[in-house]
Amino acid sequence: MSFVSVADFEQKAKEQLERNALDYYKSGAGEQVTRGLNHEAYKRLRLRPRCLRDVSHLDISCKILGEQLAWPLGIAPTAMQKLAHPDGEIGTARAAGQAGSIFILSTLSTCSIEEVAAAAPETCKWFQLYIYKDRSLTQQLVRRAELAGFKALVLTVDMPINGDRRADARNQFSLPSHLSLANFQDELTQGFASQFGGSGLNEYVASHYDPSITWQDVKWLQQLTQLPIVLKGILTAEDAQLARDAGCAGIIVSNHGGRQLDTAPATIEALPEIVAAVAHDLVVMLDGGIMQGIDIFKALALGAQTVFIGRPALWGLAANGQRGVEQLLKLMRLDFETTMKLTGCATLSHIQPTMVVHESSFWKLGEFN
């Protein structure tokens, strides 16, 4: 099969994955309205390209939180990647490093912090975490990420409880017996992880995630570490301003891939108000719905400094392990470079907000009295 789009990798992944894993990866919450909006919203945005500009040489590099990157796309944290392929998070991290991208490791990974650090030393790595009921577990994870050379902490803030994930409930999703949560294998954390091996995801989350966390806990985390803190799951200008006021280094505009609160907006819909509120004060990033280079361009035009993909990386991993993720990233980079040239942008600074408008703008222009 010749892969020419993310959809091709997705189709291959659907053929490869067992039903339990496929449903876990692909499904959203509730009626999956937000899951669909993440993609549909991009289709409602129109590009306004500029012509006769020298695009013979492109520079799409960027600097995020002090790290020089080859281009403005990274890999978002997704759990339990060995469900997709034995290469797991190590394969994805190595592919990200070869592409010059950020890789965010999930707390609920099937390769440990230390394993990923040793296997992908040249990759820019961030670590995603939760603030658990047992704060010592969070503290332990932070210390391990620091020692392993991770460059930032990504605190997921949109999951006080699990969303209404109906496919997981039907399947009574749990981690297969041949896999484990690799970050919870020592004496202090074995009991924490053991419940998930034999129970559904909802029970696991209800037992260990802390619905009482507030902005005070973000301050607690800041006192715990010198690493920059990024909040993942921001969807409003109000919360973006609170993140700024709390001293966070950045935010990821995210709706958890449509897996938490159904009918929440697509992230590209939420982005403009957040950019208007805080873009001068902290790094604004985005995930959700990115399927091609054109989507990257639209998000950057509306103010994101970089974007992340979740499911597409999983589709590449399921299709062909590390090599599949490498192929997918190369394809997306080529598409982004093509979009840059066809819009008349030789550098990221040439991308302007006026280059993206909602489709309704053209209906208004076309109206005649």
Protein backbone atom coordinates (compact mmCIF):
# COMPACT_ATOMS: atom_id res chain seq x y z
CA MET A 1 0.00 0.00 0.00
CA SER A 2 1.29 3.45 -0.94
CA PHE A 3 0.75 5.91 1.91
CA VAL A 4 -0.02 9.42 0.70
CA SER A 5 -2.14 10.74 3.59
CA VAL A 6 -2.79 10.26 7.29
CA ALA A 7 -6.03 8.56 6.29
CA ASP A 8 -4.00 5.83 4.57
CA PHE A 9 -2.09 5.12 7.77
CA GLU A 10 -5.36 5.12 9.70
CA GLN A 11 -6.86 2.55 7.34
CA LYS A 12 -3.82 0.31 7.71
CA ALA A 13 -3.94 0.69 11.49
CA LYS A 14 -7.60 -0.36 11.55
CA GLU A 15 -6.62 -3.54 9.75
CA GLN A 16 -3.77 -4.23 12.19
CA LEU A 17 -5.21 -3.37 15.60
CA GLU A 18 -7.33 -5.56 17.81
CA ARG A 19 -10.81 -4.19 18.50
CA ASN A 20 -10.09 -3.36 22.15
CA ALA A 21 -7.08 -1.22 21.26
CA LEU A 22 -8.63 0.34 18.16
CA ASP A 23 -11.72 1.48 20.03
CA TYR A 24 -9.59 2.88 22.84
CA TYR A 25 -7.49 4.92 20.44
CA LYS A 26 -10.12 6.16 18.02
CA SER A 27 -13.24 6.81 20.09
CA GLY A 28 -14.35 10.07 21.65
CA ALA A 29 -16.72 10.91 24.47
CA GLY A 30 -20.51 10.78 24.34
CA GLU A 31 -21.93 11.13 20.84
CA GLN A 32 -18.42 12.07 19.63
CA VAL A 33 -19.54 15.52 18.48
CA THR A 34 -16.33 17.19 19.63
CA ARG A 35 -14.25 14.36 18.17
CA GLY A 36 -15.82 15.16 14.77
CA LEU A 37 -15.62 18.94 15.23
CA ASN A 38 -11.85 18.75 15.65
CA HIS A 39 -11.66 17.72 11.99
CA GLU A 40 -14.67 19.49 10.53
CA ALA A 41 -13.70 22.90 11.87
CA TYR A 42 -10.55 22.94 9.74
CA LYS A 43 -12.63 22.30 6.63
CA ARG A 44 -14.63 25.46 7.33
CA LEU A 45 -11.52 27.63 7.21
CA ARG A 46 -10.42 29.06 3.86
CA LEU A 47 -6.88 30.00 2.90
CA ARG A 48 -6.06 33.35 1.28
CA PRO A 49 -2.74 32.70 -0.50
CA ARG A 50 -0.35 35.41 -1.66
CA CYS A 51 1.39 35.20 -5.03
CA LEU A 52 4.71 36.16 -6.62
CA ARG A 53 6.77 35.74 -3.50
CA ASP A 54 10.14 34.03 -3.47
CA VAL A 55 9.60 30.63 -1.88
CA SER A 56 12.61 28.91 -3.42
CA HIS A 57 14.16 28.53 0.05
CA LEU A 58 12.07 27.64 3.08
CA ASP A 59 12.91 28.02 6.76
CA ILE A 60 10.25 26.34 8.89
CA SER A 61 12.35 25.96 12.03
CA CYS A 62 11.13 27.33 15.33
CA LYS A 63 12.16 27.69 18.96
CA ILE A 64 9.77 26.50 21.68
CA LEU A 65 10.62 26.94 25.37
CA GLY A 66 14.25 27.44 24.43
CA GLU A 67 14.51 24.32 22.24
CA GLN A 68 15.40 24.67 18.56
CA LEU A 69 13.10 22.47 16.46
CA ALA A 70 13.11 21.59 12.78
CA TRP A 71 9.45 22.49 12.31
CA PRO A 72 6.33 23.37 14.32
CA LEU A 73 4.85 19.90 14.84
CA GLY A 74 5.33 17.54 17.76
CA ILE A 75 3.79 14.35 19.11
CA ALA A 76 1.20 14.66 21.86
CA PRO A 77 1.05 12.29 24.83
CA THR A 78 -0.94 9.16 24.07
CA ALA A 79 -1.16 6.27 26.51
CA MET A 80 -0.12 2.64 26.16
CA GLN A 81 1.53 2.73 22.75
CA LYS A 82 2.59 -0.90 22.83
CA LEU A 83 -1.07 -1.64 22.19
CA ALA A 84 -0.31 -0.35 18.70
CA HIS A 85 3.10 -1.94 18.11
CA PRO A 86 5.92 -3.54 20.15
CA ASP A 87 8.12 -0.50 19.38
CA GLY A 88 5.80 1.49 21.62
CA GLU A 89 6.83 4.89 22.95
CA ILE A 90 10.49 4.22 22.18
CA GLY A 91 9.74 3.94 18.47
CA THR A 92 7.60 7.08 18.47
CA ALA A 93 10.20 9.06 20.43
CA ARG A 94 12.98 8.03 18.06
CA ALA A 95 10.86 8.99 15.05
CA ALA A 96 10.16 12.38 16.60
CA GLY A 97 13.85 12.92 17.17
CA GLN A 98 14.70 12.11 13.56
CA ALA A 99 12.05 14.59 12.45
CA GLY A 100 13.34 17.33 14.75
CA SER A 101 10.08 17.34 16.73
CA ILE A 102 9.07 17.38 20.39
CA PHE A 103 7.90 14.08 21.87
CA ILE A 104 5.62 14.17 24.92
CA LEU A 105 5.66 10.95 26.94
CA SER A 106 2.44 9.96 28.68
CA THR A 107 2.50 8.99 32.34
CA LEU A 108 0.46 5.93 31.31
CA SER A 109 3.13 4.67 28.93
CA THR A 110 4.19 1.11 28.25
CA CYS A 111 7.85 2.16 28.04
CA SER A 112 9.26 3.85 31.13
CA ILE A 113 10.67 7.34 31.49
CA GLU A 114 14.15 5.89 31.77
CA GLU A 115 13.77 3.52 28.82
CA VAL A 116 12.62 6.32 26.51
CA ALA A 117 15.40 8.63 27.71
CA ALA A 118 18.06 5.99 27.05
CA ALA A 119 16.67 4.96 23.67
CA ALA A 120 16.07 8.47 22.28
CA PRO A 121 18.72 10.71 23.87
CA GLU A 122 18.74 13.26 21.03
CA THR A 123 14.97 13.77 21.01
CA CYS A 124 13.50 16.83 22.73
CA LYS A 125 11.29 15.13 25.33
CA TRP A 126 8.57 16.54 27.57
CA PHE A 127 6.75 14.54 30.24
CA GLN A 128 2.97 14.54 30.71
CA LEU A 129 1.63 13.96 34.19
CA TYR A 130 -1.40 14.14 36.44
CA ILE A 131 -1.64 15.31 40.03
CA TYR A 132 -2.74 12.15 41.79
CA LYS A 133 -4.56 11.75 45.08
CA ASP A 134 -1.29 10.40 46.42
CA ARG A 135 0.91 13.44 45.81
CA SER A 136 4.05 11.41 46.45
CA LEU A 137 3.43 9.52 43.20
CA THR A 138 3.35 12.77 41.23
CA GLN A 139 6.45 13.98 43.03
CA GLN A 140 8.29 10.75 42.24
CA LEU A 141 7.41 11.01 38.54
CA VAL A 142 8.63 14.60 38.42
CA ARG A 143 11.98 13.67 39.96
CA ARG A 144 12.42 10.80 37.49
CA ALA A 145 11.61 13.06 34.52
CA GLU A 146 14.12 15.62 35.75
CA LEU A 147 16.86 13.02 36.19
CA ALA A 148 16.14 11.57 32.74
CA GLY A 149 16.65 14.92 31.02
CA PHE A 150 13.10 15.77 30.06
CA LYS A 151 12.78 19.46 29.21
CA ALA A 152 9.28 20.35 30.41
CA LEU A 153 6.31 19.03 32.36
CA VAL A 154 2.92 18.89 30.69
CA LEU A 155 0.16 18.85 33.30
CA THR A 156 -3.16 17.53 32.01
CA VAL A 157 -5.89 19.68 33.58
CA ASP A 158 -9.07 18.57 31.79
CA MET A 159 -9.46 15.19 33.49
CA PRO A 160 -10.77 15.48 37.06
CA ILE A 161 -12.82 12.43 36.10
CA ASN A 162 -12.97 10.28 33.00
CA GLY A 163 -15.16 11.39 30.10
CA ASP A 164 -18.14 9.35 28.89
CA ARG A 165 -16.15 6.95 26.72
CA ARG A 166 -18.80 4.51 25.66
CA ALA A 167 -16.65 2.21 23.55
CA ASP A 168 -14.30 1.63 26.49
CA ALA A 169 -17.27 0.94 28.75
CA ARG A 170 -18.72 -1.59 26.31
CA ASN A 171 -15.35 -3.30 25.94
CA GLN A 172 -14.54 -3.00 29.66
CA PHE A 173 -11.19 -1.77 28.44
CA SER A 174 -8.15 -2.76 30.46
CA LEU A 175 -4.50 -3.27 29.67
CA PRO A 176 -3.74 -6.76 28.28
CA SER A 177 -1.86 -9.06 30.64
CA HIS A 178 1.31 -9.07 28.52
CA LEU A 179 1.68 -5.28 28.89
CA SER A 180 2.19 -3.06 31.91
CA LEU A 181 2.24 0.58 32.91
CA ALA A 182 6.00 0.89 32.79
CA ASN A 183 6.27 3.96 35.01
CA PHE A 184 4.71 2.09 37.92
CA GLN A 185 6.90 -0.95 38.39
CA ASP A 186 8.82 -0.23 41.60
CA GLU A 187 7.79 -1.09 45.13
CA LEU A 188 6.23 2.30 45.76
CA THR A 189 3.92 2.21 42.77
CA GLN A 190 3.11 -1.42 41.98
CA GLY A 191 -0.12 -1.29 43.94
CA PHE A 192 -1.11 1.87 42.12
CA ALA A 193 -0.86 0.22 38.71
CA SER A 194 -2.12 -3.23 39.60
CA GLN A 195 -5.78 -2.23 39.71
CA PHE A 196 -5.76 -1.13 36.10
CA GLY A 197 -4.55 -4.50 34.89
CA GLY A 198 -7.75 -6.18 35.99
CA SER A 199 -10.36 -3.43 35.90
CA GLY A 200 -11.85 -0.96 33.51
CA LEU A 201 -10.37 2.46 32.84
CA ASN A 202 -13.19 4.31 34.60
CA GLU A 203 -12.51 2.46 37.84
CA TYR A 204 -8.81 3.17 37.57
CA VAL A 205 -9.36 6.91 37.05
CA ALA A 206 -11.95 7.14 39.84
CA SER A 207 -9.57 5.44 42.27
CA HIS A 208 -6.44 7.49 41.62
CA TYR A 209 -7.16 10.79 39.85
CA ASP A 210 -7.95 13.74 42.10
CA PRO A 211 -11.08 15.74 41.23
CA SER A 212 -10.27 18.25 44.00
CA ILE A 213 -7.21 19.79 42.33
CA THR A 214 -7.24 23.58 41.83
CA TRP A 215 -4.90 26.34 40.73
CA GLN A 216 -3.22 26.01 44.13
CA ASP A 217 -1.99 22.59 43.05
CA VAL A 218 -0.38 24.14 39.98
CA LYS A 219 1.55 26.40 42.36
CA TRP A 220 2.49 23.33 44.42
CA LEU A 221 3.90 21.70 41.28
CA GLN A 222 5.89 24.82 40.45
CA GLN A 223 7.51 24.74 43.87
CA LEU A 224 8.45 21.13 43.24
CA THR A 225 10.48 21.67 40.07
CA GLN A 226 12.55 24.08 38.02
CA LEU A 227 11.24 22.63 34.76
CA PRO A 228 8.83 24.80 32.75
CA ILE A 229 5.20 23.81 33.26
CA VAL A 230 2.76 23.57 30.37
CA LEU A 231 -0.97 23.14 31.04
CA LYS A 232 -2.74 20.83 28.60
CA GLY A 233 -6.50 21.05 28.25
CA ILE A 234 -7.16 24.80 28.17
CA LEU A 235 -10.20 25.85 26.08
CA THR A 236 -11.09 29.36 27.30
CA ALA A 237 -9.43 32.74 27.53
CA GLU A 238 -10.31 32.86 31.22
CA ASP A 239 -8.35 29.72 32.06
CA ALA A 240 -5.50 30.79 29.78
CA GLN A 241 -5.22 34.01 31.79
CA LEU A 242 -5.20 32.06 35.05
CA ALA A 243 -2.42 29.86 33.65
CA ARG A 244 -0.45 33.00 32.82
CA ASP A 245 -1.09 34.48 36.26
CA ALA A 246 0.02 31.19 37.86
CA GLY A 247 3.39 31.52 36.13
CA CYS A 248 3.06 28.67 33.65
CA ALA A 249 5.42 28.72 30.69
CA GLY A 250 2.83 27.63 28.15
CA ILE A 251 -0.50 26.03 27.43
CA ILE A 252 -1.76 23.46 24.97
CA VAL A 253 -5.22 24.29 23.67
CA SER A 254 -6.73 20.82 23.82
CA ASN A 255 -10.02 19.00 24.30
CA HIS A 256 -8.28 15.68 24.95
CA GLY A 257 -8.95 14.53 21.40
CA GLY A 258 -12.69 14.86 22.00
CA ARG A 259 -12.44 12.21 24.74
CA GLN A 260 -13.58 14.25 27.75
CA LEU A 261 -16.45 16.78 27.46
CA ASP A 262 -18.57 16.19 24.38
CA THR A 263 -19.84 19.29 22.50
CA ALA A 264 -16.89 21.32 23.74
CA PRO A 265 -15.49 23.36 20.85
CA ALA A 266 -12.92 22.18 18.39
CA THR A 267 -9.52 23.38 19.51
CA ILE A 268 -9.05 25.48 16.36
CA GLU A 269 -12.34 27.22 17.23
CA ALA A 270 -11.16 27.97 20.78
CA LEU A 271 -7.70 29.12 19.69
CA PRO A 272 -8.36 32.75 18.59
CA GLU A 273 -9.83 33.99 21.89
CA ILE A 274 -6.97 32.37 23.80
CA VAL A 275 -4.33 33.90 21.53
CA ALA A 276 -5.92 37.31 21.93
CA ALA A 277 -5.81 36.94 25.71
CA VAL A 278 -2.33 35.58 26.42
CA ALA A 279 -0.16 35.13 23.33
CA HIS A 280 2.19 37.94 24.40
CA ASP A 281 2.76 36.34 27.80
CA LEU A 282 3.16 32.60 27.30
CA VAL A 283 3.63 29.96 24.62
CA VAL A 284 0.29 28.96 23.06
CA MET A 285 0.22 25.53 21.44
CA LEU A 286 -2.57 23.29 20.13
CA ASP A 287 -3.54 19.69 19.53
CA GLY A 288 -6.66 18.06 18.09
CA GLY A 289 -7.70 17.50 14.50
CA ILE A 290 -4.34 18.02 12.79
CA MET A 291 -4.36 15.66 9.81
CA GLN A 292 -2.28 17.43 7.16
CA GLY A 293 0.16 20.23 6.57
CA ILE A 294 -2.64 22.61 5.67
CA ASP A 295 -4.05 22.16 9.19
CA ILE A 296 -0.68 23.07 10.70
CA PHE A 297 -0.63 26.24 8.60
CA LYS A 298 -4.15 27.24 9.66
CA ALA A 299 -3.35 26.77 13.34
CA LEU A 300 -0.17 28.83 13.06
CA ALA A 301 -2.01 31.58 11.19
CA LEU A 302 -4.53 31.77 14.02
CA GLY A 303 -1.78 32.16 16.58
CA ALA A 304 -0.47 28.77 17.71
CA GLN A 305 3.32 28.63 17.98
CA THR A 306 3.42 24.89 17.40
CA VAL A 307 0.96 22.00 17.16
CA PHE A 308 0.87 18.36 18.23
CA ILE A 309 -0.61 15.21 16.76
CA GLY A 310 -1.91 12.27 18.80
CA ARG A 311 -3.91 9.69 16.87
CA PRO A 312 -2.00 10.15 13.56
CA ALA A 313 1.23 9.10 15.29
CA LEU A 314 -0.56 6.04 16.65
CA TRP A 315 -1.78 5.15 13.17
CA GLY A 316 1.79 5.36 11.88
CA LEU A 317 3.04 3.24 14.76
CA ALA A 318 0.36 0.60 14.25
CA ALA A 319 1.01 0.51 10.51
CA ASN A 320 4.75 -0.06 10.68
CA GLY A 321 6.28 0.67 14.07
CA GLN A 322 8.94 3.35 14.32
CA ARG A 323 9.37 3.39 10.57
CA GLY A 324 5.66 4.04 10.14
CA VAL A 325 5.83 7.11 12.40
CA GLU A 326 8.90 8.32 10.50
CA GLN A 327 7.04 7.94 7.20
CA LEU A 328 3.98 9.74 8.52
CA LEU A 329 6.02 12.68 9.82
CA LYS A 330 7.88 12.99 6.51
CA LEU A 331 4.58 13.02 4.66
CA MET A 332 3.13 15.70 6.92
CA ARG A 333 6.25 17.83 6.67
CA LEU A 334 6.17 17.64 2.86
CA ASP A 335 2.52 18.69 2.89
CA PHE A 336 3.30 21.60 5.21
CA GLU A 337 6.18 22.73 2.99
CA THR A 338 3.91 22.54 -0.05
CA THR A 339 1.31 24.67 1.75
CA MET A 340 3.96 27.20 2.73
CA LYS A 341 5.08 27.60 -0.87
CA LEU A 342 1.58 27.78 -2.31
CA THR A 343 0.58 30.48 0.18
CA GLY A 344 3.68 32.54 -0.51
CA CYS A 345 5.37 31.99 2.86
CA ALA A 346 9.10 31.32 2.97
CA THR A 347 9.33 31.50 6.78
CA LEU A 348 6.93 31.02 9.66
CA SER A 349 6.96 34.77 10.25
CA HIS A 350 5.34 35.25 6.83
CA ILE A 351 2.21 33.40 8.00
CA GLN A 352 -0.35 36.06 8.85
CA PRO A 353 -3.83 35.88 10.47
CA THR A 354 -5.36 37.44 7.35
CA MET A 355 -4.42 34.31 5.39
CA VAL A 356 -7.15 32.25 7.09
CA VAL A 357 -10.83 33.18 7.20
CA HIS A 358 -14.04 31.33 7.98
CA GLU A 359 -16.02 30.11 5.00
CA SER A 360 -18.88 32.45 5.95
CA SER A 361 -16.70 35.41 4.93
CA PHE A 362 -17.02 34.41 1.30
CA TRP A 363 -20.78 34.09 1.53
CA LYS A 364 -20.96 37.66 2.78
CA LEU A 365 -18.71 38.88 -0.01
CA GLY A 366 -20.89 37.13 -2.55
CA GLU A 367 -24.15 38.71 -1.45
CA PHE A 368 -25.71 41.24 -3.79
CA ASN A 369 -28.58 43.66 -3.18
